[in-house]
Amino acid sequence: MKESILIVEDEDKIARLLEIELECEGYRVEKASNGVTALEKFREGGWDLLLLDVMLPGMSGFEILRRVRQSDTSIPVILLTAKGSVEDKVAGLDQGANDYVTKPFQIEELLARIRAALRLRPVVEAPVAVTEDDGWLLATNLKLNESTREVMRSDTFIDLTPREFDLLVYMLKNKRQVLNRDQIVQAVWGYDYFGDTNVVDVYIRYVRKKIDSEFEPELIHTVRGVGYVLKDQV
């Protein structure tokens, strides 16, 4: 089976050259010229290596690398850049890059580095599938277990207070349904709660900060004039 490489490069000539050379070497190749497209293609999965230019319009290669590493710590990433300073190299490696190639580069050297990165990539055991039948509530890469009170996002454990946990449970059990503040108050705080429903906004903000601010995609959405909805994205 061909190994798959995603090229993230905004210079058309360089991207095309890399595509031709890599395809000649037997790799399956796709290109992305900006950060948004790169992340969309990356999330489709199936990649064996990422060739990532640092200087990109709109979103730097370092930011793309940071987001990639939130969900995948094993895929080899080789940075391509016109900057050759030690500081830039250290910054890239510290953020999780496996290697660093400075433009202009010799294609033979780059191919050798790609072979080395693919050869040295860690063997990742397939995770045990988690299903709702196992007691987990699921939404995209978020999972919650009511019995063990575990909450994870992209395999990162999330620490929630009891009230935050109850709020997230209710939203997960009613995902894709728009919930107004009164519904949320009655379900999470109880029918005997006589406080302001603005408490919902406060706790939604707390939960969002923990499960959404550092992860992709965003799951909790505001519906103006109505309330909130948790949408899972496939």
Protein backbone atom coordinates (compact mmCIF):
# COMPACT_ATOMS: atom_id res chain seq x y z
CA MET A 1 0.00 0.00 0.00
CA LYS A 2 1.34 3.45 -0.94
CA GLU A 3 2.33 5.73 1.92
CA SER A 4 0.42 9.01 1.91
CA ILE A 5 2.00 12.45 2.21
CA LEU A 6 0.20 15.75 2.63
CA ILE A 7 2.11 18.74 1.23
CA VAL A 8 1.23 22.09 2.78
CA GLU A 9 2.91 24.73 0.60
CA ASP A 10 1.57 28.02 -0.81
CA GLU A 11 4.16 28.40 -3.58
CA ASP A 12 2.63 26.59 -6.56
CA LYS A 13 5.92 25.77 -8.29
CA ILE A 14 7.45 24.22 -5.19
CA ALA A 15 4.26 22.32 -4.36
CA ARG A 16 4.03 20.93 -7.91
CA LEU A 17 7.71 19.94 -7.92
CA LEU A 18 7.29 18.10 -4.63
CA GLU A 19 4.13 16.41 -5.91
CA ILE A 20 5.89 15.14 -9.05
CA GLU A 21 8.98 13.92 -7.22
CA LEU A 22 7.04 12.17 -4.47
CA GLU A 23 4.66 10.49 -6.89
CA CYS A 24 7.65 9.26 -8.89
CA GLU A 25 8.93 7.72 -5.65
CA GLY A 26 5.64 5.84 -5.26
CA TYR A 27 3.92 7.96 -2.61
CA ARG A 28 0.27 9.01 -2.70
CA VAL A 29 0.25 12.81 -2.52
CA GLU A 30 -2.23 15.61 -1.92
CA LYS A 31 -1.58 19.35 -1.64
CA ALA A 32 -2.95 22.21 0.46
CA SER A 33 -1.98 25.84 -0.04
CA ASN A 34 -3.29 27.31 3.22
CA GLY A 35 -3.88 26.37 6.85
CA VAL A 36 -7.64 25.91 6.70
CA THR A 37 -7.46 23.48 3.77
CA ALA A 38 -4.50 21.71 5.37
CA LEU A 39 -6.37 21.06 8.61
CA GLU A 40 -9.46 19.90 6.74
CA LYS A 41 -7.43 17.40 4.73
CA PHE A 42 -5.47 16.31 7.80
CA ARG A 43 -8.68 15.55 9.72
CA GLU A 44 -9.82 13.30 6.89
CA GLY A 45 -7.10 10.97 8.13
CA GLY A 46 -4.97 8.34 6.48
CA TRP A 47 -1.74 10.36 6.30
CA ASP A 48 1.68 8.85 6.91
CA LEU A 49 3.69 12.09 6.82
CA LEU A 50 3.15 15.85 6.67
CA LEU A 51 5.42 18.21 4.70
CA LEU A 52 4.67 21.61 6.19
CA ASP A 53 5.82 25.04 5.02
CA VAL A 54 6.25 27.51 7.88
CA MET A 55 5.46 30.73 6.02
CA LEU A 56 1.82 30.40 4.98
CA PRO A 57 -0.92 33.00 4.42
CA GLY A 58 -3.41 33.40 7.26
CA MET A 59 -2.09 30.66 9.54
CA SER A 60 1.56 29.85 10.13
CA GLY A 61 3.00 26.38 9.84
CA PHE A 62 3.77 26.51 13.57
CA GLU A 63 0.07 27.02 14.35
CA ILE A 64 -0.93 24.17 12.05
CA LEU A 65 1.67 21.98 13.74
CA ARG A 66 0.29 22.89 17.18
CA ARG A 67 -3.23 21.88 16.14
CA VAL A 68 -2.04 18.68 14.49
CA ARG A 69 -0.20 17.65 17.64
CA GLN A 70 -3.35 18.14 19.74
CA SER A 71 -4.91 15.14 18.04
CA ASP A 72 -1.97 13.17 16.64
CA THR A 73 1.40 12.92 18.36
CA SER A 74 2.80 10.20 16.12
CA ILE A 75 2.52 11.40 12.50
CA PRO A 76 5.96 12.50 11.21
CA VAL A 77 6.10 16.22 10.36
CA ILE A 78 8.92 17.78 8.33
CA LEU A 79 8.98 21.58 8.25
CA LEU A 80 9.96 23.43 5.07
CA THR A 81 11.02 27.05 5.36
CA ALA A 82 13.18 29.80 3.93
CA LYS A 83 14.22 30.66 7.48
CA GLY A 84 17.33 28.86 8.55
CA SER A 85 18.08 30.41 11.94
CA VAL A 86 18.75 28.21 14.94
CA GLU A 87 15.87 29.89 16.79
CA ASP A 88 13.37 28.90 14.10
CA LYS A 89 14.64 25.35 13.99
CA VAL A 90 14.45 25.02 17.78
CA ALA A 91 10.94 26.51 17.81
CA GLY A 92 9.73 24.01 15.23
CA LEU A 93 11.29 21.02 16.92
CA ASP A 94 10.02 22.11 20.33
CA GLN A 95 6.48 22.25 18.95
CA GLY A 96 6.67 18.67 17.76
CA ALA A 97 8.27 18.66 14.32
CA ASN A 98 10.37 15.60 13.52
CA ASP A 99 12.73 17.32 11.10
CA TYR A 100 13.48 20.67 9.49
CA VAL A 101 14.62 21.40 5.91
CA THR A 102 15.68 24.87 4.78
CA LYS A 103 14.85 26.20 1.31
CA PRO A 104 16.37 25.91 -1.22
CA PHE A 105 16.93 22.20 -0.65
CA GLN A 106 18.19 19.31 -2.72
CA ILE A 107 15.31 16.98 -3.54
CA GLU A 108 17.53 13.93 -2.90
CA GLU A 109 18.19 15.12 0.65
CA LEU A 110 14.50 15.77 1.28
CA LEU A 111 13.56 12.32 -0.03
CA ALA A 112 16.16 10.76 2.27
CA ARG A 113 14.74 12.65 5.25
CA ILE A 114 11.23 11.52 4.34
CA ARG A 115 12.37 7.89 4.16
CA ALA A 116 14.09 8.24 7.53
CA ALA A 117 11.06 9.85 9.17
CA LEU A 118 8.73 7.14 7.85
CA ARG A 119 11.16 4.41 8.92
CA LEU A 120 11.44 5.80 12.46
CA ARG A 121 7.76 6.57 13.04
CA PRO A 122 6.35 4.85 16.12
CA VAL A 123 4.13 1.84 15.75
CA VAL A 124 0.74 2.87 17.12
CA GLU A 125 -1.58 0.15 18.30
CA ALA A 126 -5.13 0.56 17.11
CA PRO A 127 -7.23 1.94 19.98
CA VAL A 128 -10.06 -0.13 21.36
CA ALA A 129 -13.27 1.17 19.86
CA VAL A 130 -15.44 3.02 22.35
CA THR A 131 -19.19 2.89 21.80
CA GLU A 132 -22.22 4.28 23.55
CA ASP A 133 -23.14 0.70 24.41
CA ASP A 134 -20.06 0.63 26.65
CA GLY A 135 -21.53 3.40 28.80
CA TRP A 136 -19.86 6.28 27.00
CA LEU A 137 -21.59 9.37 25.67
CA LEU A 138 -19.88 10.40 22.43
CA ALA A 139 -19.64 13.46 20.21
CA THR A 140 -16.91 13.56 17.56
CA ASN A 141 -13.66 13.28 19.58
CA LEU A 142 -15.33 13.98 22.94
CA LYS A 143 -16.33 11.10 25.19
CA LEU A 144 -17.81 10.97 28.67
CA ASN A 145 -18.49 8.03 30.98
CA GLU A 146 -21.20 8.61 33.59
CA SER A 147 -20.14 5.65 35.73
CA THR A 148 -16.44 6.50 36.02
CA ARG A 149 -17.00 10.25 35.54
CA GLU A 150 -14.20 10.30 32.95
CA VAL A 151 -14.23 13.02 30.29
CA MET A 152 -11.80 12.96 27.36
CA ARG A 153 -11.25 15.11 24.29
CA SER A 154 -8.86 13.81 21.64
CA ASP A 155 -7.50 11.32 24.22
CA THR A 156 -6.78 14.17 26.67
CA PHE A 157 -8.45 13.86 30.08
CA ILE A 158 -10.61 16.85 31.02
CA ASP A 159 -11.21 17.78 34.68
CA LEU A 160 -14.76 19.10 35.31
CA THR A 161 -16.49 20.20 38.48
CA PRO A 162 -19.63 18.21 39.45
CA ARG A 163 -21.95 20.90 38.02
CA GLU A 164 -19.94 21.21 34.81
CA PHE A 165 -20.05 17.44 34.46
CA ASP A 166 -23.83 17.32 34.91
CA LEU A 167 -24.27 20.09 32.35
CA LEU A 168 -22.14 18.28 29.79
CA VAL A 169 -24.00 15.00 30.42
CA TYR A 170 -27.32 16.69 29.72
CA MET A 171 -26.05 18.31 26.53
CA LEU A 172 -24.52 15.05 25.29
CA LYS A 173 -27.76 13.17 25.94
CA ASN A 174 -29.56 15.83 23.92
CA LYS A 175 -26.95 16.53 21.25
CA ARG A 176 -28.15 18.23 18.08
CA GLN A 177 -31.16 19.58 20.04
CA VAL A 178 -31.35 23.30 20.79
CA LEU A 179 -31.84 23.66 24.55
CA ASN A 180 -33.14 26.85 26.15
CA ARG A 181 -31.96 28.13 29.51
CA ASP A 182 -35.06 27.02 31.40
CA GLN A 183 -34.66 23.44 30.15
CA ILE A 184 -31.02 23.38 31.17
CA VAL A 185 -31.71 24.89 34.61
CA GLN A 186 -34.46 22.35 35.37
CA ALA A 187 -32.33 19.41 34.21
CA VAL A 188 -29.03 20.42 35.82
CA TRP A 189 -29.96 22.59 38.81
CA GLY A 190 -33.38 21.06 39.56
CA TYR A 191 -36.99 22.25 39.61
CA ASP A 192 -36.53 23.89 43.01
CA TYR A 193 -33.86 26.27 41.72
CA PHE A 194 -35.05 29.89 41.94
CA GLY A 195 -31.92 31.74 40.85
CA ASP A 196 -31.23 33.61 37.63
CA THR A 197 -31.06 31.53 34.44
CA ASN A 198 -27.92 33.51 33.54
CA VAL A 199 -26.11 30.89 35.61
CA VAL A 200 -26.42 28.71 32.50
CA ASP A 201 -24.38 31.20 30.45
CA VAL A 202 -21.68 31.21 33.12
CA TYR A 203 -21.38 27.43 33.23
CA ILE A 204 -21.56 27.06 29.46
CA ARG A 205 -18.57 29.41 29.33
CA TYR A 206 -16.72 27.27 31.90
CA VAL A 207 -17.38 24.03 30.00
CA ARG A 208 -16.50 25.58 26.63
CA LYS A 209 -13.18 26.76 27.98
CA LYS A 210 -12.31 23.22 29.03
CA ILE A 211 -13.60 21.14 26.11
CA ASP A 212 -13.59 23.55 23.15
CA SER A 213 -10.96 26.27 23.50
CA GLU A 214 -7.94 24.03 22.92
CA PHE A 215 -9.54 21.49 20.59
CA GLU A 216 -11.07 21.17 17.13
CA PRO A 217 -13.84 21.18 16.04
CA GLU A 218 -15.98 23.41 18.27
CA LEU A 219 -18.86 21.37 19.72
CA ILE A 220 -20.99 23.75 21.83
CA HIS A 221 -22.77 26.46 19.83
CA THR A 222 -24.89 29.44 20.81
CA VAL A 223 -28.30 29.81 19.17
CA ARG A 224 -29.14 33.51 19.46
CA GLY A 225 -32.32 34.26 21.34
CA VAL A 226 -32.87 30.61 22.22
CA GLY A 227 -30.06 28.84 24.04
CA TYR A 228 -27.34 26.32 23.24
CA VAL A 229 -26.76 23.16 21.22
CA LEU A 230 -24.02 20.52 21.22
CA LYS A 231 -23.33 19.35 17.68
CA ASP A 232 -21.19 16.36 16.90
CA GLN A 233 -19.38 16.54 13.58
CA VAL A 234 -18.57 13.44 11.56
